[in-house]
C-alpha cells in the first residue's frame, strides 16, 4: 500500500514541479511582505489542490462523456509526461514558466496571481491534471489504494507549499548546479514512469 503512495507522490511531485515552482513564486511575489507571501502560497496551494481533486474525481466522467477510453488517456498522458521530462532535461520547461511569471508581474496584482498563473498553470498544469486522473483510475478498484493516491496528492501539495515558503532560504544555501543535477535526475524518473504509462496503455488496448 505504501508503494502506491510513494509511486503516486513521485509522479505528482514531478508533474507539479514543486522544485521549479519555488523560484517562480519568489519572482511573482517580489516586493511582497512575509505575511503577503505566506497568504499567497497558502491560497495558491489550496486552490491548486481543489482543482486537482475535482479533476481527479470528475476527470474520468468527462473523458467518458467525450468518448475517450482510459487506455487512450494512459497513452496520451504518458506522451505528455514524456515531453515534460524531455523539456526538463533540456531546461526548456523552466524558461517557459519564467516567461509566464514575468508576464504576470507586469499585468497582475499580488492577489490576482494566486489563481493565474500560480495555481494554474504553474502548479495545477496539464501534466499534474493528467497525472492525477491516471493515478485515480489506475487505483480505483481498491478503496485503500485510492485513498493513498489522494494522500499522495495532499503530501505533494504540502511539499509544494513548504518549498514556496522556504524557497528563499533554500536558494541561499543550495548550489544552482546541485539543483540542476536534481532536476535532471527527476526528469529521468518521470520519463521512465511516462514510458510505463504508454506500455500499460498499449498492452491493455491490444490485449498483450
C-alpha atoms as a PDB file:
ATOM      1  CA  UNK A   1       0.000   0.000   0.000  1.00  0.00           C
ATOM      2  CA  UNK A   2       2.862   2.344   0.789  1.00  0.00           C
ATOM      3  CA  UNK A   3       4.219   1.564  -2.670  1.00  0.00           C
ATOM      4  CA  UNK A   4       1.082   3.137  -4.169  1.00  0.00           C
ATOM      5  CA  UNK A   5       1.600   6.225  -2.016  1.00  0.00           C
ATOM      6  CA  UNK A   6       5.279   6.587  -2.877  1.00  0.00           C
ATOM      7  CA  UNK A   7       4.740   5.982  -6.587  1.00  0.00           C
ATOM      8  CA  UNK A   8       1.830   8.445  -6.692  1.00  0.00           C
ATOM      9  CA  UNK A   9       3.757  11.033  -4.693  1.00  0.00           C
ATOM     10  CA  UNK A  10       6.770  10.763  -7.017  1.00  0.00           C
ATOM     11  CA  UNK A  11       4.628  11.221 -10.115  1.00  0.00           C
ATOM     12  CA  UNK A  12       2.641  14.161  -8.683  1.00  0.00           C
ATOM     13  CA  UNK A  13       5.708  15.825  -7.153  1.00  0.00           C
ATOM     14  CA  UNK A  14       7.454  15.792 -10.520  1.00  0.00           C
ATOM     15  CA  UNK A  15       4.345  16.652 -12.558  1.00  0.00           C
ATOM     16  CA  UNK A  16       3.556  19.615 -10.308  1.00  0.00           C
ATOM     17  CA  UNK A  17       7.261  20.534 -10.448  1.00  0.00           C
ATOM     18  CA  UNK A  18       7.336  21.557  -6.792  1.00  0.00           C
ATOM     19  CA  UNK A  19      11.051  22.388  -7.015  1.00  0.00           C
ATOM     20  CA  UNK A  20      10.592  24.584 -10.080  1.00  0.00           C
ATOM     21  CA  UNK A  21       7.624  26.469  -8.615  1.00  0.00           C
ATOM     22  CA  UNK A  22       9.698  27.912  -5.752  1.00  0.00           C
ATOM     23  CA  UNK A  23      11.897  30.337  -7.752  1.00  0.00           C
ATOM     24  CA  UNK A  24       8.911  31.413  -9.864  1.00  0.00           C
ATOM     25  CA  UNK A  25       6.897  32.059  -6.706  1.00  0.00           C
ATOM     26  CA  UNK A  26       9.697  34.336  -5.481  1.00  0.00           C
ATOM     27  CA  UNK A  27       9.710  36.130  -8.822  1.00  0.00           C
ATOM     28  CA  UNK A  28       5.938  36.634  -8.758  1.00  0.00           C
ATOM     29  CA  UNK A  29       5.905  37.902  -5.155  1.00  0.00           C
ATOM     30  CA  UNK A  30       8.914  40.184  -5.462  1.00  0.00           C
ATOM     31  CA  UNK A  31       8.386  43.137  -3.137  1.00  0.00           C
ATOM     32  CA  UNK A  32       5.685  41.426  -1.059  1.00  0.00           C
ATOM     33  CA  UNK A  33       5.893  41.193   2.733  1.00  0.00           C
ATOM     34  CA  UNK A  34       6.326  37.898   4.604  1.00  0.00           C
ATOM     35  CA  UNK A  35       2.636  37.893   5.515  1.00  0.00           C
ATOM     36  CA  UNK A  36       1.613  38.516   1.908  1.00  0.00           C
ATOM     37  CA  UNK A  37       3.910  35.754   0.636  1.00  0.00           C
ATOM     38  CA  UNK A  38       2.531  33.297   3.192  1.00  0.00           C
ATOM     39  CA  UNK A  39      -1.055  34.168   2.247  1.00  0.00           C
ATOM     40  CA  UNK A  40      -0.338  33.843  -1.465  1.00  0.00           C
ATOM     41  CA  UNK A  41       1.440  30.489  -1.027  1.00  0.00           C
ATOM     42  CA  UNK A  42      -1.388  29.135   1.139  1.00  0.00           C
ATOM     43  CA  UNK A  43      -4.160  30.311  -1.196  1.00  0.00           C
ATOM     44  CA  UNK A  44      -2.363  29.106  -4.323  1.00  0.00           C
ATOM     45  CA  UNK A  45      -1.668  25.666  -2.827  1.00  0.00           C
ATOM     46  CA  UNK A  46      -5.253  25.271  -1.614  1.00  0.00           C
ATOM     47  CA  UNK A  47      -6.697  26.460  -4.921  1.00  0.00           C
ATOM     48  CA  UNK A  48      -4.476  24.108  -6.915  1.00  0.00           C
ATOM     49  CA  UNK A  49      -5.369  21.198  -4.596  1.00  0.00           C
ATOM     50  CA  UNK A  50      -9.101  21.822  -5.050  1.00  0.00           C
ATOM     51  CA  UNK A  51      -8.674  21.960  -8.828  1.00  0.00           C
ATOM     52  CA  UNK A  52      -6.668  18.731  -8.908  1.00  0.00           C
ATOM     53  CA  UNK A  53      -9.042  16.961  -6.502  1.00  0.00           C
ATOM     54  CA  UNK A  54     -12.090  17.938  -8.589  1.00  0.00           C
ATOM     55  CA  UNK A  55     -10.342  16.840 -11.761  1.00  0.00           C
ATOM     56  CA  UNK A  56      -9.313  13.555 -10.094  1.00  0.00           C
ATOM     57  CA  UNK A  57     -12.920  12.876  -9.101  1.00  0.00           C
ATOM     58  CA  UNK A  58     -14.679  14.024 -12.265  1.00  0.00           C
ATOM     59  CA  UNK A  59     -11.980  13.804 -14.902  1.00  0.00           C
ATOM     60  CA  UNK A  60     -12.788  10.262 -15.960  1.00  0.00           C
ATOM     61  CA  UNK A  61     -16.515  11.066 -16.235  1.00  0.00           C
ATOM     62  CA  UNK A  62     -15.625  13.919 -18.571  1.00  0.00           C
ATOM     63  CA  UNK A  63     -13.405  11.726 -20.735  1.00  0.00           C
ATOM     64  CA  UNK A  64     -16.096   9.042 -20.874  1.00  0.00           C
ATOM     65  CA  UNK A  65     -18.607  11.684 -21.900  1.00  0.00           C
ATOM     66  CA  UNK A  66     -16.485  12.753 -24.875  1.00  0.00           C
ATOM     67  CA  UNK A  67     -15.734   9.135 -25.781  1.00  0.00           C
ATOM     68  CA  UNK A  68     -12.098   8.865 -24.691  1.00  0.00           C
ATOM     69  CA  UNK A  69     -11.105   5.498 -23.184  1.00  0.00           C
ATOM     70  CA  UNK A  70      -8.831   5.047 -20.185  1.00  0.00           C
ATOM     71  CA  UNK A  71      -6.257   3.280 -22.361  1.00  0.00           C
ATOM     72  CA  UNK A  72      -6.159   6.254 -24.736  1.00  0.00           C
ATOM     73  CA  UNK A  73      -5.762   8.522 -21.730  1.00  0.00           C
ATOM     74  CA  UNK A  74      -2.869   6.408 -20.441  1.00  0.00           C
ATOM     75  CA  UNK A  75      -1.071   6.611 -23.785  1.00  0.00           C
ATOM     76  CA  UNK A  76      -1.746  10.336 -24.250  1.00  0.00           C
ATOM     77  CA  UNK A  77      -0.847  11.088 -20.631  1.00  0.00           C
ATOM     78  CA  UNK A  78       2.356   9.094 -20.959  1.00  0.00           C
ATOM     79  CA  UNK A  79       3.318  11.035 -24.079  1.00  0.00           C
ATOM     80  CA  UNK A  80       2.610  14.361 -22.351  1.00  0.00           C
ATOM     81  CA  UNK A  81       4.653  13.373 -19.292  1.00  0.00           C
ATOM     82  CA  UNK A  82       7.481  12.162 -21.532  1.00  0.00           C
ATOM     83  CA  UNK A  83       7.540  15.531 -23.333  1.00  0.00           C
ATOM     84  CA  UNK A  84       7.644  17.270 -19.941  1.00  0.00           C
ATOM     85  CA  UNK A  85      10.584  15.069 -18.957  1.00  0.00           C
ATOM     86  CA  UNK A  86      12.471  15.942 -22.156  1.00  0.00           C
ATOM     87  CA  UNK A  87      11.805  19.642 -21.541  1.00  0.00           C
ATOM     88  CA  UNK A  88      13.169  19.273 -18.012  1.00  0.00           C
ATOM     89  CA  UNK A  89      16.291  17.578 -19.343  1.00  0.00           C
ATOM     90  CA  UNK A  90      16.811  20.419 -21.839  1.00  0.00           C
ATOM     91  CA  UNK A  91      15.815  23.091 -19.269  1.00  0.00           C
ATOM     92  CA  UNK A  92      13.067  24.399 -21.580  1.00  0.00           C
ATOM     93  CA  UNK A  93      10.280  23.991 -19.033  1.00  0.00           C
ATOM     94  CA  UNK A  94      11.890  26.435 -16.602  1.00  0.00           C
ATOM     95  CA  UNK A  95      12.369  29.038 -19.335  1.00  0.00           C
ATOM     96  CA  UNK A  96       8.743  28.789 -20.451  1.00  0.00           C
ATOM     97  CA  UNK A  97       7.436  29.087 -16.890  1.00  0.00           C
ATOM     98  CA  UNK A  98       9.667  32.093 -16.232  1.00  0.00           C
ATOM     99  CA  UNK A  99       8.170  33.804 -19.279  1.00  0.00           C
ATOM    100  CA  UNK A 100       4.673  33.227 -17.859  1.00  0.00           C
ATOM    101  CA  UNK A 101       5.777  34.549 -14.478  1.00  0.00           C
ATOM    102  CA  UNK A 102       7.295  37.691 -15.986  1.00  0.00           C
ATOM    103  CA  UNK A 103       4.069  38.353 -17.879  1.00  0.00           C
ATOM    104  CA  UNK A 104       2.088  38.021 -14.656  1.00  0.00           C
ATOM    105  CA  UNK A 105       4.307  40.520 -12.828  1.00  0.00           C
ATOM    106  CA  UNK A 106       3.558  43.150 -15.441  1.00  0.00           C
ATOM    107  CA  UNK A 107      -0.168  42.523 -15.742  1.00  0.00           C
ATOM    108  CA  UNK A 108      -1.426  41.276 -12.365  1.00  0.00           C
ATOM    109  CA  UNK A 109      -1.505  42.365  -8.731  1.00  0.00           C
ATOM    110  CA  UNK A 110      -0.278  40.106  -5.926  1.00  0.00           C
ATOM    111  CA  UNK A 111      -3.794  38.848  -5.158  1.00  0.00           C
ATOM    112  CA  UNK A 112      -4.575  38.185  -8.807  1.00  0.00           C
ATOM    113  CA  UNK A 113      -1.573  35.876  -9.278  1.00  0.00           C
ATOM    114  CA  UNK A 114      -2.957  33.368  -6.754  1.00  0.00           C
ATOM    115  CA  UNK A 115      -5.218  31.822  -9.392  1.00  0.00           C
ATOM    116  CA  UNK A 116      -3.291  32.766 -12.524  1.00  0.00           C
ATOM    117  CA  UNK A 117      -0.542  31.930 -13.156  1.00  0.00           C
ATOM    118  CA  UNK A 118       0.451  30.426  -9.776  1.00  0.00           C
ATOM    119  CA  UNK A 119      -2.393  27.925  -9.207  1.00  0.00           C
ATOM    120  CA  UNK A 120      -2.984  27.444 -12.939  1.00  0.00           C
ATOM    121  CA  UNK A 121      -0.868  26.599 -14.871  1.00  0.00           C
ATOM    122  CA  UNK A 122       2.317  26.707 -12.760  1.00  0.00           C
ATOM    123  CA  UNK A 123       1.091  24.262 -10.070  1.00  0.00           C
ATOM    124  CA  UNK A 124      -2.012  22.575 -11.481  1.00  0.00           C
ATOM    125  CA  UNK A 125      -0.753  22.392 -15.052  1.00  0.00           C
ATOM    126  CA  UNK A 126      -1.551  19.888 -17.820  1.00  0.00           C
ATOM    127  CA  UNK A 127       0.966  17.341 -16.540  1.00  0.00           C
ATOM    128  CA  UNK A 128      -0.446  17.426 -12.993  1.00  0.00           C
ATOM    129  CA  UNK A 129      -4.058  17.253 -14.201  1.00  0.00           C
ATOM    130  CA  UNK A 130      -3.312  14.327 -16.490  1.00  0.00           C
ATOM    131  CA  UNK A 131      -1.288  12.520 -13.821  1.00  0.00           C
ATOM    132  CA  UNK A 132      -3.952  12.750 -11.139  1.00  0.00           C
ATOM    133  CA  UNK A 133      -6.617  11.337 -13.469  1.00  0.00           C
ATOM    134  CA  UNK A 134      -4.359   8.446 -14.483  1.00  0.00           C
ATOM    135  CA  UNK A 135      -3.430   7.645 -10.888  1.00  0.00           C
ATOM    136  CA  UNK A 136      -7.010   7.715  -9.631  1.00  0.00           C
ATOM    137  CA  UNK A 137      -8.224   5.454 -12.414  1.00  0.00           C
ATOM    138  CA  UNK A 138      -5.268   3.066 -12.080  1.00  0.00           C
ATOM    139  CA  UNK A 139      -6.145   2.543  -8.403  1.00  0.00           C
ATOM    140  CA  UNK A 140      -9.939   2.889  -8.498  1.00  0.00           C
ATOM    141  CA  UNK A 141     -10.508  -0.850  -7.895  1.00  0.00           C
ATOM    142  CA  UNK A 142      -9.251  -0.560  -4.303  1.00  0.00           C
ATOM    143  CA  UNK A 143     -10.537   1.969  -1.779  1.00  0.00           C
ATOM    144  CA  UNK A 144      -7.275   1.809   0.178  1.00  0.00           C
ATOM    145  CA  UNK A 145      -5.175   2.405  -2.936  1.00  0.00           C
ATOM    146  CA  UNK A 146      -7.422   5.290  -3.931  1.00  0.00           C
ATOM    147  CA  UNK A 147      -7.016   6.849  -0.503  1.00  0.00           C
ATOM    148  CA  UNK A 148      -3.247   6.511  -0.883  1.00  0.00           C
ATOM    149  CA  UNK A 149      -3.427   8.455  -4.167  1.00  0.00           C
ATOM    150  CA  UNK A 150      -5.355  11.284  -2.501  1.00  0.00           C
ATOM    151  CA  UNK A 151      -2.941  11.201   0.444  1.00  0.00           C
ATOM    152  CA  UNK A 152      -0.067  11.488  -2.034  1.00  0.00           C
ATOM    153  CA  UNK A 153      -1.806  14.483  -3.629  1.00  0.00           C
ATOM    154  CA  UNK A 154      -2.110  16.159  -0.221  1.00  0.00           C
ATOM    155  CA  UNK A 155       1.554  15.386   0.516  1.00  0.00           C
ATOM    156  CA  UNK A 156       2.683  16.727  -2.878  1.00  0.00           C
ATOM    157  CA  UNK A 157       0.726  19.948  -2.381  1.00  0.00           C
ATOM    158  CA  UNK A 158       2.088  20.313   1.156  1.00  0.00           C
ATOM    159  CA  UNK A 159       5.621  19.856  -0.187  1.00  0.00           C
ATOM    160  CA  UNK A 160       4.933  22.495  -2.832  1.00  0.00           C
ATOM    161  CA  UNK A 161       3.555  24.893  -0.214  1.00  0.00           C
ATOM    162  CA  UNK A 162       6.545  24.414   2.101  1.00  0.00           C
ATOM    163  CA  UNK A 163       9.003  24.758  -0.753  1.00  0.00           C
ATOM    164  CA  UNK A 164       7.433  28.072  -1.756  1.00  0.00           C
ATOM    165  CA  UNK A 165       7.715  29.346   1.807  1.00  0.00           C
ATOM    166  CA  UNK A 166      11.336  28.310   2.218  1.00  0.00           C
ATOM    167  CA  UNK A 167      12.481  28.793  -1.380  1.00  0.00           C
ATOM    168  CA  UNK A 168      14.346  31.978  -0.488  1.00  0.00           C
ATOM    169  CA  UNK A 169      16.294  30.198   2.266  1.00  0.00           C
ATOM    170  CA  UNK A 170      16.940  27.168   0.046  1.00  0.00           C
ATOM    171  CA  UNK A 171      18.219  29.403  -2.744  1.00  0.00           C
ATOM    172  CA  UNK A 172      20.759  30.977  -0.394  1.00  0.00           C
ATOM    173  CA  UNK A 173      22.226  27.668   0.764  1.00  0.00           C
ATOM    174  CA  UNK A 174      21.824  25.402  -2.267  1.00  0.00           C
ATOM    175  CA  UNK A 175      24.150  25.373  -5.240  1.00  0.00           C
ATOM    176  CA  UNK A 176      22.459  26.050  -8.574  1.00  0.00           C
ATOM    177  CA  UNK A 177      24.469  23.204 -10.083  1.00  0.00           C
ATOM    178  CA  UNK A 178      23.103  20.832  -7.431  1.00  0.00           C
ATOM    179  CA  UNK A 179      19.549  21.893  -8.226  1.00  0.00           C
ATOM    180  CA  UNK A 180      20.208  21.344 -11.930  1.00  0.00           C
ATOM    181  CA  UNK A 181      21.533  17.825 -11.266  1.00  0.00           C
ATOM    182  CA  UNK A 182      18.491  17.000  -9.110  1.00  0.00           C
ATOM    183  CA  UNK A 183      16.182  18.302 -11.836  1.00  0.00           C
ATOM    184  CA  UNK A 184      17.832  16.080 -14.444  1.00  0.00           C
ATOM    185  CA  UNK A 185      17.524  13.011 -12.198  1.00  0.00           C
ATOM    186  CA  UNK A 186      13.824  13.734 -11.627  1.00  0.00           C
ATOM    187  CA  UNK A 187      13.394  14.146 -15.381  1.00  0.00           C
ATOM    188  CA  UNK A 188      14.798  10.657 -15.957  1.00  0.00           C
ATOM    189  CA  UNK A 189      12.447   9.216 -13.323  1.00  0.00           C
ATOM    190  CA  UNK A 190       9.477  10.971 -14.921  1.00  0.00           C
ATOM    191  CA  UNK A 191      10.488   9.740 -18.379  1.00  0.00           C
ATOM    192  CA  UNK A 192      10.607   6.145 -17.103  1.00  0.00           C
ATOM    193  CA  UNK A 193       7.178   6.473 -15.483  1.00  0.00           C
ATOM    194  CA  UNK A 194       5.788   8.041 -18.661  1.00  0.00           C
ATOM    195  CA  UNK A 195       7.041   5.153 -20.800  1.00  0.00           C
ATOM    196  CA  UNK A 196       5.433   2.717 -18.359  1.00  0.00           C
ATOM    197  CA  UNK A 197       2.088   4.524 -18.752  1.00  0.00           C
ATOM    198  CA  UNK A 198       2.372   4.173 -22.537  1.00  0.00           C
ATOM    199  CA  UNK A 199       3.325   0.480 -22.316  1.00  0.00           C
ATOM    200  CA  UNK A 200       0.398  -0.265 -19.986  1.00  0.00           C
ATOM    201  CA  UNK A 201      -1.999   1.562 -22.291  1.00  0.00           C
ATOM    202  CA  UNK A 202      -0.769  -0.311 -25.370  1.00  0.00           C
ATOM    203  CA  UNK A 203      -0.900  -3.677 -23.574  1.00  0.00           C
ATOM    204  CA  UNK A 204      -4.495  -3.105 -22.486  1.00  0.00           C
ATOM    205  CA  UNK A 205      -5.544  -1.821 -25.909  1.00  0.00           C
ATOM    206  CA  UNK A 206      -4.132  -4.734 -27.874  1.00  0.00           C
ATOM    207  CA  UNK A 207      -4.587  -7.386 -25.185  1.00  0.00           C
ATOM    208  CA  UNK A 208      -0.894  -8.183 -24.986  1.00  0.00           C
END
